[in-house]
Amino acid sequence: MKKLVILILFPLLYACSDNSDEVNRFLPDVPVNKTIFLTNPDVIDLQVVGGWAYTQGGISGIIIYHAGINNYLAFERSAPHRTPEPCSTMTVKNSLTMVCACDDAVFNLLNGAPMTDGIIYPAKQYRVLITGPNTLQITNF
């Protein structure tokens, strides 16, 4: 009887799982540990809420977004649903979305969620720590 219960419940557990914990098979894990100085002219737009900037690091670069007072977000520029290639480097559009040039797939800049049907992976997000009055640390550890 116990074997019958296990045989019935085991497939149900897999059927109920979602893809949120699934490892992205397209993007490799690379170490990220980047310091950003908000006084640097290259990222001056980050001084205001809603501002964003590109920086080097990660696989294809990083998008940093100033989401609110003392709240910064950082996302990998490489589109999460494709193997990295030149056209899969995402760009910011309308200060609200990230777009992959290969297929025009769209991702939300506030949480990385895919906004295009059929895409299951969100944009790869990095941790942002405020380490000083004008300093951010972007890491993935």
N, C-alpha and C. Protein backbone atom coordinates (compact mmCIF):
# COMPACT_ATOMS: atom_id res chain seq x y z
N MET A 1 0.82 -1.19 0.00
CA MET A 1 0.00 0.00 0.00
C MET A 1 0.87 1.27 0.00
N LYS A 2 1.97 1.27 0.79
CA LYS A 2 2.85 2.43 0.85
C LYS A 2 3.47 2.71 -0.52
N LYS A 3 3.81 1.65 -1.24
CA LYS A 3 4.40 1.83 -2.57
C LYS A 3 3.40 2.48 -3.52
N LEU A 4 2.15 2.11 -3.40
CA LEU A 4 1.11 2.68 -4.25
C LEU A 4 0.96 4.18 -3.97
N VAL A 5 0.97 4.57 -2.72
CA VAL A 5 0.86 5.98 -2.35
C VAL A 5 2.05 6.77 -2.89
N ILE A 6 3.24 6.22 -2.76
CA ILE A 6 4.44 6.89 -3.26
C ILE A 6 4.38 7.01 -4.78
N LEU A 7 3.95 5.98 -5.45
CA LEU A 7 3.86 6.02 -6.92
C LEU A 7 2.85 7.05 -7.39
N ILE A 8 1.82 7.30 -6.62
CA ILE A 8 0.81 8.28 -7.01
C ILE A 8 1.26 9.70 -6.66
N LEU A 9 1.84 9.90 -5.49
CA LEU A 9 2.21 11.23 -5.04
C LEU A 9 3.46 11.78 -5.74
N PHE A 10 4.42 10.91 -6.05
CA PHE A 10 5.66 11.37 -6.65
C PHE A 10 5.43 12.14 -7.95
N PRO A 11 4.65 11.62 -8.91
CA PRO A 11 4.40 12.38 -10.14
C PRO A 11 3.63 13.67 -9.88
N LEU A 12 2.76 13.68 -8.88
CA LEU A 12 2.00 14.89 -8.57
C LEU A 12 2.91 16.01 -8.07
N LEU A 13 3.92 15.65 -7.31
CA LEU A 13 4.85 16.67 -6.82
C LEU A 13 5.58 17.34 -7.97
N TYR A 14 5.98 16.58 -8.96
CA TYR A 14 6.63 17.17 -10.12
C TYR A 14 5.66 17.99 -10.96
N ALA A 15 4.43 17.55 -11.06
CA ALA A 15 3.43 18.26 -11.84
C ALA A 15 3.11 19.62 -11.23
N CYS A 16 3.25 19.76 -9.93
CA CYS A 16 2.92 21.00 -9.25
C CYS A 16 4.08 21.98 -9.20
N SER A 17 5.26 21.56 -9.59
CA SER A 17 6.40 22.47 -9.50
C SER A 17 6.34 23.51 -10.60
N ASP A 18 6.90 24.68 -10.32
CA ASP A 18 6.99 25.70 -11.35
C ASP A 18 8.45 25.85 -11.77
N ASN A 19 8.70 26.78 -12.67
CA ASN A 19 10.04 26.94 -13.21
C ASN A 19 10.87 27.98 -12.46
N SER A 20 10.31 28.56 -11.39
CA SER A 20 11.00 29.66 -10.73
C SER A 20 12.32 29.23 -10.09
N ASP A 21 12.44 27.97 -9.69
CA ASP A 21 13.67 27.49 -9.09
C ASP A 21 14.56 26.76 -10.09
N GLU A 22 14.13 26.68 -11.32
CA GLU A 22 14.88 25.97 -12.34
C GLU A 22 16.14 26.77 -12.71
N VAL A 23 17.24 26.07 -12.83
CA VAL A 23 18.50 26.72 -13.18
C VAL A 23 18.48 27.10 -14.65
N ASN A 24 18.87 28.33 -14.93
CA ASN A 24 18.91 28.80 -16.31
C ASN A 24 20.01 28.06 -17.06
N ARG A 25 19.64 27.37 -18.12
CA ARG A 25 20.60 26.57 -18.88
C ARG A 25 21.30 27.37 -19.97
N PHE A 26 20.90 28.62 -20.16
CA PHE A 26 21.51 29.44 -21.20
C PHE A 26 22.67 30.30 -20.71
N LEU A 27 22.59 30.78 -19.47
CA LEU A 27 23.59 31.71 -18.97
C LEU A 27 24.55 31.04 -18.00
N PRO A 28 25.84 31.14 -18.26
CA PRO A 28 26.82 30.55 -17.35
C PRO A 28 26.94 31.40 -16.08
N ASP A 29 27.39 30.80 -15.00
CA ASP A 29 27.67 31.54 -13.78
C ASP A 29 29.07 32.11 -13.88
N VAL A 30 29.18 33.41 -13.75
CA VAL A 30 30.48 34.08 -13.73
C VAL A 30 30.55 34.92 -12.47
N PRO A 31 31.73 35.06 -11.89
CA PRO A 31 31.82 35.88 -10.67
C PRO A 31 31.59 37.36 -10.98
N VAL A 32 30.82 38.00 -10.12
CA VAL A 32 30.55 39.43 -10.25
C VAL A 32 30.86 40.09 -8.91
N ASN A 33 31.72 41.09 -8.94
CA ASN A 33 32.06 41.87 -7.75
C ASN A 33 32.53 43.23 -8.25
N LYS A 34 31.60 44.15 -8.39
CA LYS A 34 31.87 45.43 -9.04
C LYS A 34 31.50 46.58 -8.11
N THR A 35 32.39 47.55 -7.99
CA THR A 35 32.13 48.75 -7.22
C THR A 35 31.71 49.87 -8.17
N ILE A 36 30.62 50.55 -7.82
CA ILE A 36 30.11 51.66 -8.62
C ILE A 36 30.15 52.92 -7.77
N PHE A 37 30.79 53.96 -8.28
CA PHE A 37 30.82 55.25 -7.60
C PHE A 37 29.78 56.15 -8.27
N LEU A 38 28.75 56.53 -7.54
CA LEU A 38 27.65 57.30 -8.11
C LEU A 38 28.05 58.69 -8.57
N THR A 39 29.23 59.15 -8.19
CA THR A 39 29.73 60.45 -8.65
C THR A 39 30.42 60.35 -10.00
N ASN A 40 30.62 59.13 -10.50
CA ASN A 40 31.25 58.92 -11.81
C ASN A 40 30.30 59.41 -12.90
N PRO A 41 30.76 60.27 -13.82
CA PRO A 41 29.88 60.78 -14.88
C PRO A 41 29.22 59.68 -15.73
N ASP A 42 29.85 58.51 -15.84
CA ASP A 42 29.27 57.43 -16.65
C ASP A 42 27.96 56.91 -16.07
N VAL A 43 27.75 57.08 -14.77
CA VAL A 43 26.53 56.56 -14.12
C VAL A 43 25.76 57.67 -13.41
N ILE A 44 25.93 58.90 -13.87
CA ILE A 44 25.32 60.06 -13.21
C ILE A 44 23.79 59.95 -13.14
N ASP A 45 23.17 59.26 -14.12
CA ASP A 45 21.72 59.11 -14.12
C ASP A 45 21.21 58.30 -12.93
N LEU A 46 22.09 57.56 -12.27
CA LEU A 46 21.68 56.77 -11.12
C LEU A 46 21.44 57.63 -9.88
N GLN A 47 21.74 58.90 -9.94
CA GLN A 47 21.53 59.77 -8.79
C GLN A 47 20.07 60.12 -8.58
N VAL A 48 19.22 59.85 -9.57
CA VAL A 48 17.78 60.13 -9.43
C VAL A 48 16.98 58.84 -9.53
N VAL A 49 15.89 58.76 -8.78
CA VAL A 49 15.01 57.59 -8.85
C VAL A 49 14.47 57.48 -10.27
N GLY A 50 14.52 56.29 -10.82
CA GLY A 50 14.09 56.04 -12.19
C GLY A 50 15.25 56.08 -13.18
N GLY A 51 16.41 56.50 -12.70
CA GLY A 51 17.59 56.55 -13.57
C GLY A 51 18.21 55.17 -13.73
N TRP A 52 18.92 54.98 -14.81
CA TRP A 52 19.56 53.69 -15.08
C TRP A 52 20.88 53.94 -15.79
N ALA A 53 21.72 52.91 -15.77
CA ALA A 53 23.02 53.00 -16.44
C ALA A 53 23.51 51.60 -16.79
N TYR A 54 24.36 51.55 -17.80
CA TYR A 54 25.05 50.32 -18.15
C TYR A 54 26.44 50.35 -17.51
N THR A 55 26.95 49.19 -17.15
CA THR A 55 28.32 49.08 -16.69
C THR A 55 28.88 47.75 -17.13
N GLN A 56 30.19 47.63 -17.10
CA GLN A 56 30.83 46.37 -17.46
C GLN A 56 30.69 45.38 -16.32
N GLY A 57 30.86 44.11 -16.66
CA GLY A 57 30.80 43.04 -15.67
C GLY A 57 29.82 41.98 -16.09
N GLY A 58 29.76 40.91 -15.33
CA GLY A 58 28.85 39.82 -15.66
C GLY A 58 29.25 39.15 -16.96
N ILE A 59 28.27 38.71 -17.71
CA ILE A 59 28.50 38.02 -18.98
C ILE A 59 28.61 39.01 -20.13
N SER A 60 27.59 39.86 -20.25
CA SER A 60 27.55 40.84 -21.36
C SER A 60 27.41 42.27 -20.87
N GLY A 61 27.65 42.49 -19.60
CA GLY A 61 27.46 43.81 -19.01
C GLY A 61 26.33 43.76 -18.00
N ILE A 62 26.13 44.87 -17.31
CA ILE A 62 25.13 44.95 -16.25
C ILE A 62 24.29 46.21 -16.44
N ILE A 63 22.99 46.09 -16.19
CA ILE A 63 22.08 47.23 -16.17
C ILE A 63 21.80 47.53 -14.70
N ILE A 64 22.03 48.77 -14.29
CA ILE A 64 21.73 49.19 -12.92
C ILE A 64 20.54 50.15 -12.98
N TYR A 65 19.59 49.96 -12.09
CA TYR A 65 18.37 50.78 -12.07
C TYR A 65 18.16 51.32 -10.67
N HIS A 66 17.89 52.61 -10.55
CA HIS A 66 17.60 53.25 -9.27
C HIS A 66 16.09 53.17 -9.06
N ALA A 67 15.65 52.15 -8.33
CA ALA A 67 14.22 51.85 -8.18
C ALA A 67 13.52 52.69 -7.11
N GLY A 68 14.25 53.24 -6.17
CA GLY A 68 13.66 54.05 -5.11
C GLY A 68 14.75 54.52 -4.17
N ILE A 69 14.37 55.32 -3.22
CA ILE A 69 15.36 55.82 -2.26
C ILE A 69 16.06 54.63 -1.61
N ASN A 70 17.37 54.62 -1.70
CA ASN A 70 18.20 53.52 -1.16
C ASN A 70 17.81 52.15 -1.72
N ASN A 71 17.31 52.11 -2.95
CA ASN A 71 16.92 50.85 -3.58
C ASN A 71 17.44 50.83 -5.02
N TYR A 72 18.46 50.02 -5.25
CA TYR A 72 19.04 49.86 -6.58
C TYR A 72 18.91 48.40 -7.00
N LEU A 73 18.69 48.19 -8.28
CA LEU A 73 18.60 46.85 -8.85
C LEU A 73 19.68 46.70 -9.91
N ALA A 74 20.17 45.49 -10.08
CA ALA A 74 21.18 45.22 -11.12
C ALA A 74 20.81 43.93 -11.84
N PHE A 75 20.81 43.98 -13.17
CA PHE A 75 20.47 42.83 -13.99
C PHE A 75 21.56 42.58 -15.02
N GLU A 76 21.76 41.31 -15.34
CA GLU A 76 22.66 40.90 -16.42
C GLU A 76 22.07 41.41 -17.73
N ARG A 77 22.93 41.94 -18.60
CA ARG A 77 22.45 42.42 -19.90
C ARG A 77 22.21 41.27 -20.88
N SER A 78 22.80 40.12 -20.65
CA SER A 78 22.60 38.99 -21.54
C SER A 78 21.19 38.44 -21.34
N ALA A 79 20.41 38.34 -22.40
CA ALA A 79 19.03 37.86 -22.31
C ALA A 79 18.99 36.46 -21.73
N PRO A 80 18.11 36.20 -20.77
CA PRO A 80 18.12 34.93 -20.06
C PRO A 80 17.61 33.73 -20.84
N HIS A 81 16.98 33.96 -21.97
CA HIS A 81 16.37 32.87 -22.73
C HIS A 81 17.19 32.47 -23.96
N ARG A 82 18.40 33.00 -24.07
CA ARG A 82 19.25 32.71 -25.22
C ARG A 82 20.69 32.50 -24.77
N THR A 83 21.42 31.72 -25.54
CA THR A 83 22.85 31.60 -25.33
C THR A 83 23.47 32.95 -25.68
N PRO A 84 24.41 33.46 -24.88
CA PRO A 84 24.98 34.78 -25.16
C PRO A 84 25.55 34.90 -26.58
N GLU A 85 25.15 35.95 -27.24
CA GLU A 85 25.63 36.30 -28.57
C GLU A 85 25.47 37.82 -28.70
N PRO A 86 26.08 38.44 -29.69
CA PRO A 86 26.02 39.91 -29.75
C PRO A 86 24.60 40.49 -29.72
N CYS A 87 23.66 39.87 -30.41
CA CYS A 87 22.30 40.44 -30.45
C CYS A 87 21.50 40.17 -29.18
N SER A 88 21.99 39.31 -28.29
CA SER A 88 21.22 38.99 -27.08
C SER A 88 21.55 39.92 -25.91
N THR A 89 22.39 40.92 -26.13
CA THR A 89 22.67 41.91 -25.10
C THR A 89 21.49 42.88 -25.03
N MET A 90 20.82 42.89 -23.88
CA MET A 90 19.60 43.69 -23.74
C MET A 90 19.91 45.18 -23.59
N THR A 91 18.96 45.98 -24.06
CA THR A 91 19.03 47.43 -23.91
C THR A 91 17.78 47.90 -23.17
N VAL A 92 17.89 49.03 -22.50
CA VAL A 92 16.76 49.60 -21.77
C VAL A 92 15.91 50.41 -22.74
N LYS A 93 14.61 50.22 -22.66
CA LYS A 93 13.66 50.98 -23.48
C LYS A 93 12.65 51.65 -22.55
N ASN A 94 12.38 52.90 -22.77
CA ASN A 94 11.37 53.67 -22.02
C ASN A 94 11.62 53.69 -20.51
N SER A 95 12.82 53.42 -20.07
CA SER A 95 13.19 53.38 -18.65
C SER A 95 12.32 52.42 -17.84
N LEU A 96 11.64 51.49 -18.51
CA LEU A 96 10.77 50.54 -17.82
C LEU A 96 11.02 49.09 -18.21
N THR A 97 11.63 48.87 -19.36
CA THR A 97 11.80 47.51 -19.85
C THR A 97 13.22 47.30 -20.40
N MET A 98 13.59 46.02 -20.46
CA MET A 98 14.84 45.60 -21.11
C MET A 98 14.43 44.77 -22.31
N VAL A 99 15.08 44.98 -23.45
CA VAL A 99 14.68 44.32 -24.70
C VAL A 99 15.88 43.61 -25.32
N CYS A 100 15.63 42.38 -25.77
CA CYS A 100 16.62 41.58 -26.48
C CYS A 100 16.49 41.89 -27.97
N ALA A 101 17.56 42.32 -28.61
CA ALA A 101 17.53 42.68 -30.03
C ALA A 101 17.36 41.48 -30.95
N CYS A 102 17.71 40.27 -30.49
CA CYS A 102 17.59 39.08 -31.35
C CYS A 102 16.14 38.81 -31.75
N ASP A 103 15.22 38.95 -30.77
CA ASP A 103 13.84 38.56 -31.02
C ASP A 103 12.82 39.52 -30.40
N ASP A 104 13.28 40.66 -29.94
CA ASP A 104 12.42 41.68 -29.31
C ASP A 104 11.71 41.20 -28.05
N ALA A 105 12.27 40.20 -27.37
CA ALA A 105 11.71 39.75 -26.09
C ALA A 105 11.88 40.87 -25.07
N VAL A 106 10.86 41.05 -24.22
CA VAL A 106 10.82 42.17 -23.29
C VAL A 106 10.81 41.64 -21.85
N PHE A 107 11.55 42.35 -20.97
CA PHE A 107 11.63 42.01 -19.56
C PHE A 107 11.40 43.26 -18.74
N ASN A 108 10.71 43.11 -17.60
CA ASN A 108 10.39 44.21 -16.71
C ASN A 108 11.65 44.68 -15.99
N LEU A 109 11.91 45.98 -16.01
CA LEU A 109 13.11 46.53 -15.37
C LEU A 109 12.97 46.59 -13.84
N LEU A 110 11.75 46.50 -13.33
CA LEU A 110 11.54 46.56 -11.88
C LEU A 110 11.77 45.23 -11.18
N ASN A 111 11.61 44.12 -11.91
CA ASN A 111 11.79 42.81 -11.27
C ASN A 111 12.40 41.75 -12.19
N GLY A 112 12.70 42.08 -13.42
CA GLY A 112 13.32 41.14 -14.35
C GLY A 112 12.36 40.14 -14.98
N ALA A 113 11.10 40.22 -14.64
CA ALA A 113 10.12 39.24 -15.14
C ALA A 113 9.95 39.34 -16.65
N PRO A 114 9.83 38.17 -17.32
CA PRO A 114 9.59 38.20 -18.76
C PRO A 114 8.20 38.75 -19.05
N MET A 115 8.10 39.59 -20.07
CA MET A 115 6.82 40.16 -20.48
C MET A 115 6.41 39.64 -21.86
N THR A 116 7.18 38.69 -22.39
CA THR A 116 6.91 38.09 -23.69
C THR A 116 6.46 36.66 -23.45
N ASP A 117 5.35 36.28 -24.06
CA ASP A 117 4.81 34.93 -23.91
C ASP A 117 5.83 33.88 -24.33
N GLY A 118 5.86 32.79 -23.57
CA GLY A 118 6.71 31.66 -23.89
C GLY A 118 8.08 31.69 -23.25
N ILE A 119 8.45 32.79 -22.65
CA ILE A 119 9.75 32.87 -21.99
C ILE A 119 9.55 32.58 -20.50
N ILE A 120 10.32 31.63 -19.98
CA ILE A 120 10.13 31.22 -18.58
C ILE A 120 11.18 31.79 -17.64
N TYR A 121 12.34 32.19 -18.16
CA TYR A 121 13.40 32.66 -17.29
C TYR A 121 13.34 34.18 -17.12
N PRO A 122 13.43 34.68 -15.89
CA PRO A 122 13.54 36.13 -15.68
C PRO A 122 14.97 36.58 -15.96
N ALA A 123 15.14 37.88 -16.10
CA ALA A 123 16.49 38.42 -16.26
C ALA A 123 17.31 38.06 -15.03
N LYS A 124 18.56 37.72 -15.25
CA LYS A 124 19.44 37.34 -14.14
C LYS A 124 19.73 38.58 -13.30
N GLN A 125 19.43 38.48 -12.01
CA GLN A 125 19.59 39.63 -11.12
C GLN A 125 20.80 39.45 -10.22
N TYR A 126 21.50 40.55 -9.98
CA TYR A 126 22.64 40.57 -9.07
C TYR A 126 22.27 41.35 -7.81
N ARG A 127 22.98 41.10 -6.75
CA ARG A 127 22.76 41.77 -5.47
C ARG A 127 23.44 43.14 -5.52
N VAL A 128 22.73 44.16 -4.99
CA VAL A 128 23.30 45.50 -4.90
C VAL A 128 23.33 45.92 -3.44
N LEU A 129 24.52 46.25 -2.96
CA LEU A 129 24.70 46.71 -1.59
C LEU A 129 25.13 48.17 -1.61
N ILE A 130 24.54 48.98 -0.75
CA ILE A 130 24.98 50.37 -0.61
C ILE A 130 26.08 50.35 0.43
N THR A 131 27.31 50.62 0.01
CA THR A 131 28.45 50.49 0.91
C THR A 131 29.00 51.83 1.38
N GLY A 132 28.41 52.92 0.91
CA GLY A 132 28.83 54.26 1.31
C GLY A 132 27.85 55.27 0.78
N PRO A 133 28.03 56.55 1.08
CA PRO A 133 27.06 57.55 0.64
C PRO A 133 26.93 57.65 -0.88
N ASN A 134 27.97 57.32 -1.61
CA ASN A 134 27.94 57.39 -3.08
C ASN A 134 28.54 56.14 -3.71
N THR A 135 28.41 55.01 -3.02
CA THR A 135 29.07 53.79 -3.49
C THR A 135 28.13 52.60 -3.43
N LEU A 136 28.10 51.85 -4.53
CA LEU A 136 27.33 50.60 -4.61
C LEU A 136 28.29 49.46 -4.85
N GLN A 137 27.95 48.30 -4.34
CA GLN A 137 28.70 47.08 -4.61
C GLN A 137 27.74 46.10 -5.27
N ILE A 138 28.07 45.63 -6.46
CA ILE A 138 27.24 44.67 -7.19
C ILE A 138 27.95 43.32 -7.13
N THR A 139 27.25 42.31 -6.63
CA THR A 139 27.84 40.98 -6.49
C THR A 139 26.82 39.90 -6.84
N ASN A 140 27.33 38.69 -6.97
CA ASN A 140 26.45 37.54 -7.11
C ASN A 140 26.82 36.48 -6.08
N PHE A 141 27.37 36.92 -4.97
CA PHE A 141 27.67 36.00 -3.87
C PHE A 141 27.34 36.66 -2.56
